[in-house]
C-alpha cells in the first residue's frame, strides 16, 4: 500500500512537471511569435515620416519617438532587439523614414551617420500651441532655456524692432498684462532650425511664415473693421473652440454676432488661458469668475491678446466667416465633438441638457 501511495504521489509530481513544461513551452512559443511579429514593419502601405533624433537621446527616448510616429510596433521589443544586435549608437539629426521598414532596417538606418537628411533640429508648432510650449521645444533643441526664450518674446524693445521689419507685427501687441507679447504670432508649421542659431533668428522664422501669409491675404485684412492684432486674437479663440474649417467659419461668425450687439463672448477657452494650467475642460467651464483680462465672461469685447497660436485656417475663418444668425454654440465633448448652434439662450440650454449633462 505504501508503495502504491508513493507511486501515486510520483505520478502527480510528474503530471505537475509535465503541465508546467507545457505551459512554459506555450508561453515561450507565444513570446517568440509575439517578438517576431513586432519586429516586422508596422505597415504594408508605404508612407514617409520625418523624425528628429536629438544628440544624447537614450534608447528609451528613441523607441518612444519611433512608436509615437508609427515606425515601430512595440517599444520593449525594439529596445531588447537593439541591445541584442548591438545597434544602439544612434546618430542625431533629422531622418526621413518609411513605415514599411522592419526593426532591423530602422536600427541600421538610425545607426548610419550618413542617413540623416539634416543635422538641423525640427520644431513643430501645432495649431493652438501656447508660446510657452514652443519655447520649451526650443529649449529641448538648443542651448537656450525656456525662460530665456520667453524673456525675449516679452521684450517690448524686441517687438518694436520686429514691427519695423514685419508689417504683421504692430505696436498694438505691446499691451500691459498679456502673458507673452508674441503669443498668437508664432505661425504653426514645421521648421528646420540650426541648433546654434540665436533666439532672434529662430523667432524670425516663425514671424516670416506669418508675414508671408499676411501678404497673401492682405486684402482680407484691410477690408476688416478689426485691426491685425484683434483678428489674430479672435482667430486664436476660434482655433481653441473648433477644429475643422467649416466649424471655424461658423464659430467666427457667432463671435462677430455677439460683438455686434454688444454681447460678451463668454468663451470658456479664454478661461483655460486665464488659468494657464488646468486638468480637464471642466476646469475651464467652472472658473468663469476668475479675475483675468483674458476672461471673456467677466470683460466685454475681445481679450487683451491671443490665447494661443492660431493656424492659417483659423485666421482665414476669422477673415471670411460663414454668415449665420447664431449667438450660442457648444461641442459634444462626450461624443464625436460635433458643434451645435443655437439662436436663443433657451435653445442653447436645451443643447446643454442634451449633450453635456
Protein backbone atom coordinates (compact mmCIF):
# COMPACT_ATOMS: atom_id res chain seq x y z
CA UNK A 1 0.00 0.00 0.00
CA UNK A 2 2.82 2.34 0.92
CA UNK A 3 4.46 1.58 -2.46
CA UNK A 4 1.18 2.38 -4.24
CA UNK A 5 0.90 5.70 -2.41
CA UNK A 6 4.47 6.64 -3.36
CA UNK A 7 3.76 5.69 -6.96
CA UNK A 8 0.59 7.79 -6.94
CA UNK A 9 2.43 10.76 -5.45
CA UNK A 10 5.21 10.41 -8.01
CA UNK A 11 2.63 10.30 -10.79
CA UNK A 12 1.11 13.59 -9.52
CA UNK A 13 4.54 15.20 -9.39
CA UNK A 14 5.26 14.05 -12.94
CA UNK A 15 1.89 15.39 -14.13
CA UNK A 16 2.54 18.76 -12.45
CA UNK A 17 6.00 18.96 -14.00
CA UNK A 18 4.68 18.00 -17.41
CA UNK A 19 1.94 20.62 -17.09
CA UNK A 20 4.49 23.26 -16.14
CA UNK A 21 6.69 22.27 -19.09
CA UNK A 22 3.71 22.52 -21.46
CA UNK A 23 2.70 25.91 -20.03
CA UNK A 24 6.28 27.13 -20.23
CA UNK A 25 6.52 25.84 -23.78
CA UNK A 26 3.29 27.57 -24.77
CA UNK A 27 4.50 30.77 -23.11
CA UNK A 28 7.83 30.65 -24.89
CA UNK A 29 6.13 29.89 -28.19
CA UNK A 30 3.73 32.80 -27.71
CA UNK A 31 6.60 35.11 -26.76
CA UNK A 32 8.63 34.02 -29.78
CA UNK A 33 5.74 34.67 -32.17
CA UNK A 34 4.94 37.98 -30.43
CA UNK A 35 8.53 39.18 -30.76
CA UNK A 36 8.79 38.02 -34.38
CA UNK A 37 5.52 39.76 -35.24
CA UNK A 38 6.62 43.01 -33.60
CA UNK A 39 9.95 43.00 -35.39
CA UNK A 40 8.03 43.36 -38.65
CA UNK A 41 7.15 46.65 -40.29
CA UNK A 42 4.15 48.41 -38.72
CA UNK A 43 2.54 48.88 -42.15
CA UNK A 44 2.49 47.26 -45.57
CA UNK A 45 1.49 50.57 -47.12
CA UNK A 46 4.41 52.84 -47.90
CA UNK A 47 4.40 56.12 -46.05
CA UNK A 48 7.16 58.54 -45.14
CA UNK A 49 7.60 60.11 -41.71
CA UNK A 50 10.12 62.74 -40.65
CA UNK A 51 11.52 62.38 -37.14
CA UNK A 52 14.09 64.27 -35.09
CA UNK A 53 16.70 62.35 -33.09
CA UNK A 54 18.38 64.67 -30.61
CA UNK A 55 22.00 64.43 -29.59
CA UNK A 56 22.18 62.32 -26.44
CA UNK A 57 18.76 60.68 -26.89
CA UNK A 58 18.61 57.39 -24.99
CA UNK A 59 17.40 54.09 -26.40
CA UNK A 60 14.16 54.56 -24.48
CA UNK A 61 13.65 58.06 -25.91
CA UNK A 62 14.38 56.92 -29.45
CA UNK A 63 11.97 53.99 -29.18
CA UNK A 64 9.26 56.30 -27.84
CA UNK A 65 9.75 58.73 -30.75
CA UNK A 66 9.57 55.88 -33.26
CA UNK A 67 6.46 54.40 -31.66
CA UNK A 68 4.71 57.78 -31.49
CA UNK A 69 5.32 58.23 -35.22
CA UNK A 70 4.10 54.76 -36.17
CA UNK A 71 7.51 53.44 -37.19
CA UNK A 72 7.69 50.51 -34.74
CA UNK A 73 5.01 48.39 -33.09
CA UNK A 74 6.38 47.68 -29.62
CA UNK A 75 8.91 49.80 -27.71
CA UNK A 76 10.09 47.00 -25.41
CA UNK A 77 10.70 44.56 -28.28
CA UNK A 78 12.59 47.30 -30.14
CA UNK A 79 14.80 48.06 -27.15
CA UNK A 80 15.61 44.40 -26.42
CA UNK A 81 16.39 43.67 -30.06
CA UNK A 82 18.54 46.81 -30.41
CA UNK A 83 20.67 45.66 -27.47
CA UNK A 84 20.83 42.10 -28.81
CA UNK A 85 22.14 43.16 -32.22
CA UNK A 86 24.27 45.95 -30.69
CA UNK A 87 22.73 48.76 -32.77
CA UNK A 88 22.26 51.43 -30.12
CA UNK A 89 24.74 54.06 -31.31
CA UNK A 90 22.07 56.41 -32.67
CA UNK A 91 23.21 59.41 -34.71
CA UNK A 92 21.42 62.69 -34.10
CA UNK A 93 19.70 64.53 -36.90
CA UNK A 94 16.51 64.64 -38.93
CA UNK A 95 15.53 61.39 -40.65
CA UNK A 96 13.00 60.64 -43.36
CA UNK A 97 11.79 57.12 -42.65
CA UNK A 98 9.48 54.59 -44.28
CA UNK A 99 6.61 52.88 -42.45
CA UNK A 100 7.31 49.64 -44.37
CA UNK A 101 10.73 49.19 -42.76
CA UNK A 102 11.17 46.42 -40.20
CA UNK A 103 13.03 46.93 -36.91
CA UNK A 104 16.36 45.72 -38.35
CA UNK A 105 16.17 48.29 -41.16
CA UNK A 106 15.14 51.05 -38.75
CA UNK A 107 18.08 50.30 -36.46
CA UNK A 108 20.59 50.14 -39.30
CA UNK A 109 19.29 53.44 -40.65
CA UNK A 110 19.49 55.29 -37.33
CA UNK A 111 22.99 53.96 -36.68
CA UNK A 112 24.23 55.25 -40.04
CA UNK A 113 25.93 58.65 -39.68
CA UNK A 114 25.23 59.45 -43.35
CA UNK A 115 21.49 58.67 -43.28
CA UNK A 116 20.22 61.88 -41.66
CA UNK A 117 18.81 64.34 -44.18
CA UNK A 118 19.88 67.23 -41.96
CA UNK A 119 21.73 67.99 -38.78
CA UNK A 120 19.27 70.77 -38.15
CA UNK A 121 16.68 70.42 -35.42
CA UNK A 122 12.99 70.01 -36.10
CA UNK A 123 10.40 72.22 -34.40
CA UNK A 124 6.71 71.57 -34.95
CA UNK A 125 4.33 74.30 -33.88
CA UNK A 126 0.91 72.67 -33.70
CA UNK A 127 -2.20 74.85 -34.22
CA UNK A 128 -3.32 76.01 -30.79
CA UNK A 129 0.09 75.61 -29.14
CA UNK A 130 0.91 78.09 -26.41
CA UNK A 131 4.06 80.19 -26.67
CA UNK A 132 5.47 78.53 -23.55
CA UNK A 133 5.15 75.12 -25.28
CA UNK A 134 7.05 76.39 -28.33
CA UNK A 135 9.70 77.89 -26.04
CA UNK A 136 10.06 74.51 -24.35
CA UNK A 137 10.69 72.88 -27.75
CA UNK A 138 13.42 75.42 -28.40
CA UNK A 139 14.94 74.61 -25.00
CA UNK A 140 14.98 70.92 -25.94
CA UNK A 141 16.68 71.57 -29.30
CA UNK A 142 19.14 74.38 -28.45
CA UNK A 143 21.27 75.72 -25.63
CA UNK A 144 18.64 78.29 -24.66
CA UNK A 145 16.26 77.83 -21.76
CA UNK A 146 12.51 78.25 -21.97
CA UNK A 147 12.80 81.26 -19.66
CA UNK A 148 15.35 82.96 -21.94
CA UNK A 149 13.13 82.46 -24.98
CA UNK A 150 10.03 83.80 -23.23
CA UNK A 151 12.00 86.78 -21.91
CA UNK A 152 12.83 87.80 -25.48
CA UNK A 153 9.25 87.25 -26.62
CA UNK A 154 8.14 89.56 -23.80
CA UNK A 155 10.66 92.30 -24.55
CA UNK A 156 8.87 95.45 -25.85
CA UNK A 157 12.09 96.69 -27.44
CA UNK A 158 12.40 93.47 -29.44
CA UNK A 159 8.75 93.64 -30.51
CA UNK A 160 9.34 97.21 -31.68
CA UNK A 161 12.31 96.04 -33.73
CA UNK A 162 10.20 93.30 -35.29
CA UNK A 163 7.43 95.77 -36.14
CA UNK A 164 9.90 97.83 -38.16
CA UNK A 165 10.64 94.83 -40.37
CA UNK A 166 7.35 92.90 -40.41
CA UNK A 167 4.08 94.73 -41.11
CA UNK A 168 2.06 91.92 -39.49
CA UNK A 169 3.69 92.86 -36.18
CA UNK A 170 2.10 96.07 -34.90
CA UNK A 171 2.82 98.21 -31.82
CA UNK A 172 -0.65 97.21 -30.58
CA UNK A 173 0.93 93.92 -29.47
CA UNK A 174 2.73 95.74 -26.67
CA UNK A 175 -0.16 95.63 -24.22
CA UNK A 176 0.24 95.65 -20.47
CA UNK A 177 -0.96 92.48 -18.77
CA UNK A 178 -0.52 89.96 -21.60
CA UNK A 179 1.24 86.74 -20.71
CA UNK A 180 3.52 86.63 -23.77
CA UNK A 181 3.71 89.53 -26.22
CA UNK A 182 4.33 87.25 -29.20
CA UNK A 183 1.56 84.80 -28.28
CA UNK A 184 -0.50 84.33 -31.45
CA UNK A 185 2.30 85.31 -33.82
CA UNK A 186 4.26 82.04 -33.85
CA UNK A 187 2.81 80.56 -37.02
CA UNK A 188 2.04 76.83 -36.73
CA UNK A 189 4.24 74.94 -39.17
CA UNK A 190 7.17 72.52 -39.26
CA UNK A 191 10.50 74.31 -39.08
CA UNK A 192 14.10 73.21 -39.51
CA UNK A 193 16.46 75.24 -37.35
CA UNK A 194 20.17 75.33 -36.73
CA UNK A 195 20.57 74.45 -33.04
CA UNK A 196 23.31 77.07 -32.82
CA UNK A 197 21.12 79.88 -34.18
CA UNK A 198 20.20 82.84 -31.99
CA UNK A 199 16.74 83.04 -30.44
CA UNK A 200 16.11 86.03 -32.70
CA UNK A 201 16.91 84.03 -35.84
CA UNK A 202 14.67 81.17 -34.76
CA UNK A 203 11.84 83.53 -33.83
CA UNK A 204 12.01 85.33 -37.13
CA UNK A 205 11.50 82.04 -38.99
CA UNK A 206 8.08 81.86 -37.32
CA UNK A 207 7.29 85.53 -37.94
CA UNK A 208 8.39 85.32 -41.59
CA UNK A 209 5.90 82.48 -42.14
CA UNK A 210 3.12 84.60 -40.66
CA UNK A 211 4.21 87.62 -42.71
CA UNK A 212 4.05 85.58 -45.94
CA UNK A 213 0.51 84.51 -45.02
CA UNK A 214 -0.43 88.11 -44.24
CA UNK A 215 0.98 89.34 -47.56
CA UNK A 216 -1.07 86.72 -49.45
CA UNK A 217 -4.26 87.78 -47.66
CA UNK A 218 -3.67 91.47 -47.05
CA UNK A 219 -6.82 92.48 -48.94
CA UNK A 220 -8.93 90.47 -46.47
CA UNK A 221 -7.11 92.01 -43.51
CA UNK A 222 -7.54 95.51 -44.94
CA UNK A 223 -11.27 95.00 -45.56
CA UNK A 224 -11.94 94.11 -41.93
CA UNK A 225 -13.08 96.68 -39.37
CA UNK A 226 -10.79 94.97 -36.87
CA UNK A 227 -7.05 95.53 -36.50
CA UNK A 228 -4.48 92.83 -37.26
CA UNK A 229 -3.99 92.23 -33.54
CA UNK A 230 -7.72 91.94 -32.94
CA UNK A 231 -8.11 89.49 -35.83
CA UNK A 232 -5.25 87.32 -34.57
CA UNK A 233 -6.78 87.43 -31.09
CA UNK A 234 -10.19 86.35 -32.33
CA UNK A 235 -8.61 83.67 -34.55
CA UNK A 236 -6.85 82.24 -31.51
CA UNK A 237 -10.22 81.79 -29.77
CA UNK A 238 -11.72 80.23 -32.91
CA UNK A 239 -8.73 77.87 -33.06
CA UNK A 240 -9.34 76.71 -29.50
CA UNK A 241 -13.10 76.32 -29.96
CA UNK A 242 -13.27 74.46 -33.28
CA UNK A 243 -11.21 72.04 -35.34
CA UNK A 244 -12.40 71.84 -38.96
CA UNK A 245 -12.51 74.87 -41.25
CA UNK A 246 -16.31 74.62 -41.65
CA UNK A 247 -16.94 74.96 -37.92
CA UNK A 248 -14.22 77.57 -37.57
CA UNK A 249 -16.02 79.80 -40.05
CA UNK A 250 -19.35 79.26 -38.25
CA UNK A 251 -17.88 79.91 -34.81
CA UNK A 252 -16.11 83.06 -36.01
CA UNK A 253 -19.44 84.47 -37.17
CA UNK A 254 -21.10 83.62 -33.85
CA UNK A 255 -18.47 85.73 -32.11
CA UNK A 256 -18.95 88.56 -34.60
CA UNK A 257 -22.69 88.40 -33.93
CA UNK A 258 -22.08 88.73 -30.21
CA UNK A 259 -19.61 91.58 -30.60
CA UNK A 260 -22.12 93.49 -32.74
CA UNK A 261 -24.89 93.55 -30.09
CA UNK A 262 -22.68 94.13 -27.96
CA UNK A 263 -22.70 90.87 -26.00
CA UNK A 264 -19.84 89.28 -24.10
CA UNK A 265 -18.10 86.44 -25.93
CA UNK A 266 -18.31 84.15 -22.89
CA UNK A 267 -15.86 81.69 -24.38
CA UNK A 268 -14.72 79.05 -21.92
CA UNK A 269 -11.42 78.62 -23.76
CA UNK A 270 -10.43 82.09 -22.63
CA UNK A 271 -10.82 80.75 -19.10
CA UNK A 272 -8.39 77.95 -19.98
CA UNK A 273 -5.80 80.56 -20.88
CA UNK A 274 -6.68 82.63 -17.83
CA UNK A 275 -5.95 79.58 -15.66
CA UNK A 276 -2.83 78.73 -17.72
CA UNK A 277 -2.73 75.34 -16.01
CA UNK A 278 -5.74 73.02 -15.98
CA UNK A 279 -6.58 69.33 -15.98
CA UNK A 280 -9.85 68.98 -17.92
CA UNK A 281 -12.28 71.12 -19.89
CA UNK A 282 -14.48 71.23 -16.78
CA UNK A 283 -11.87 73.41 -15.07
CA UNK A 284 -12.44 75.98 -17.80
CA UNK A 285 -16.22 75.69 -17.54
CA UNK A 286 -16.34 76.12 -13.76
CA UNK A 287 -13.98 79.06 -13.24
CA UNK A 288 -15.77 81.81 -15.15
CA UNK A 289 -15.35 84.17 -12.18
CA UNK A 290 -11.53 84.21 -12.40
CA UNK A 291 -10.22 87.78 -12.46
CA UNK A 292 -8.18 87.88 -15.65
CA UNK A 293 -8.10 90.32 -18.59
CA UNK A 294 -8.44 87.23 -20.80
CA UNK A 295 -11.75 86.26 -19.17
CA UNK A 296 -14.48 86.98 -21.72
CA UNK A 297 -17.17 86.14 -19.16
CA UNK A 298 -16.01 88.98 -16.95
CA UNK A 299 -14.96 91.59 -19.53
CA UNK A 300 -16.58 92.98 -22.69
CA UNK A 301 -15.15 92.53 -26.15
CA UNK A 302 -12.02 90.64 -27.09
CA UNK A 303 -9.40 89.62 -24.54
CA UNK A 304 -6.26 91.73 -24.34
CA UNK A 305 -4.34 89.39 -26.63
CA UNK A 306 -4.30 85.99 -28.35
CA UNK A 307 -4.80 82.88 -26.21
CA UNK A 308 -2.79 80.53 -28.45
CA UNK A 309 -1.07 80.45 -31.83
CA UNK A 310 -3.79 80.05 -34.47
CA UNK A 311 -3.41 78.19 -37.74
CA UNK A 312 -3.81 79.67 -41.19
CA UNK A 313 -7.27 78.07 -41.35
CA UNK A 314 -8.37 79.72 -38.10
CA UNK A 315 -7.19 83.12 -39.31
CA UNK A 316 -8.86 82.63 -42.71
CA UNK A 317 -12.08 81.60 -40.96
CA UNK A 318 -11.93 84.81 -38.95
CA UNK A 319 -11.31 86.86 -42.10
CA UNK A 320 -14.06 85.10 -44.08
CA UNK A 321 -16.68 83.68 -41.69
CA UNK A 322 -19.85 81.88 -42.75
CA UNK A 323 -22.83 84.18 -42.38
CA UNK A 324 -25.32 82.97 -39.75
CA UNK A 325 -27.65 84.34 -37.08
CA UNK A 326 -26.48 82.17 -34.16
CA UNK A 327 -25.37 83.53 -30.78
CA UNK A 328 -24.55 80.28 -28.97
CA UNK A 329 -22.74 77.03 -29.65
CA UNK A 330 -21.33 74.04 -27.79
CA UNK A 331 -19.29 70.98 -28.67
CA UNK A 332 -20.45 67.47 -27.83
CA UNK A 333 -17.35 66.60 -25.77
CA UNK A 334 -18.78 63.22 -24.81
CA UNK A 335 -19.49 62.23 -28.40
CA UNK A 336 -17.76 62.98 -31.69
CA UNK A 337 -17.12 66.66 -30.97
CA UNK A 338 -19.94 67.89 -33.20
CA UNK A 339 -20.70 71.56 -32.61
CA UNK A 340 -24.34 72.51 -32.07
CA UNK A 341 -25.52 76.06 -32.67
CA UNK A 342 -28.43 78.00 -31.18
CA UNK A 343 -30.12 81.32 -31.80
CA UNK A 344 -31.56 81.79 -28.32
CA UNK A 345 -30.41 81.04 -24.79
CA UNK A 346 -33.32 78.64 -24.31
CA UNK A 347 -32.22 76.66 -27.38
CA UNK A 348 -28.68 76.67 -26.04
CA UNK A 349 -29.78 75.38 -22.62
CA UNK A 350 -31.65 72.57 -24.35
CA UNK A 351 -28.44 71.63 -26.18
CA UNK A 352 -26.51 71.69 -22.90
CA UNK A 353 -29.03 69.36 -21.26
CA UNK A 354 -28.90 67.04 -24.26
CA UNK A 355 -25.16 66.89 -24.94
CA UNK A 356 -23.28 67.93 -21.79
CA UNK A 357 -25.27 66.50 -18.86
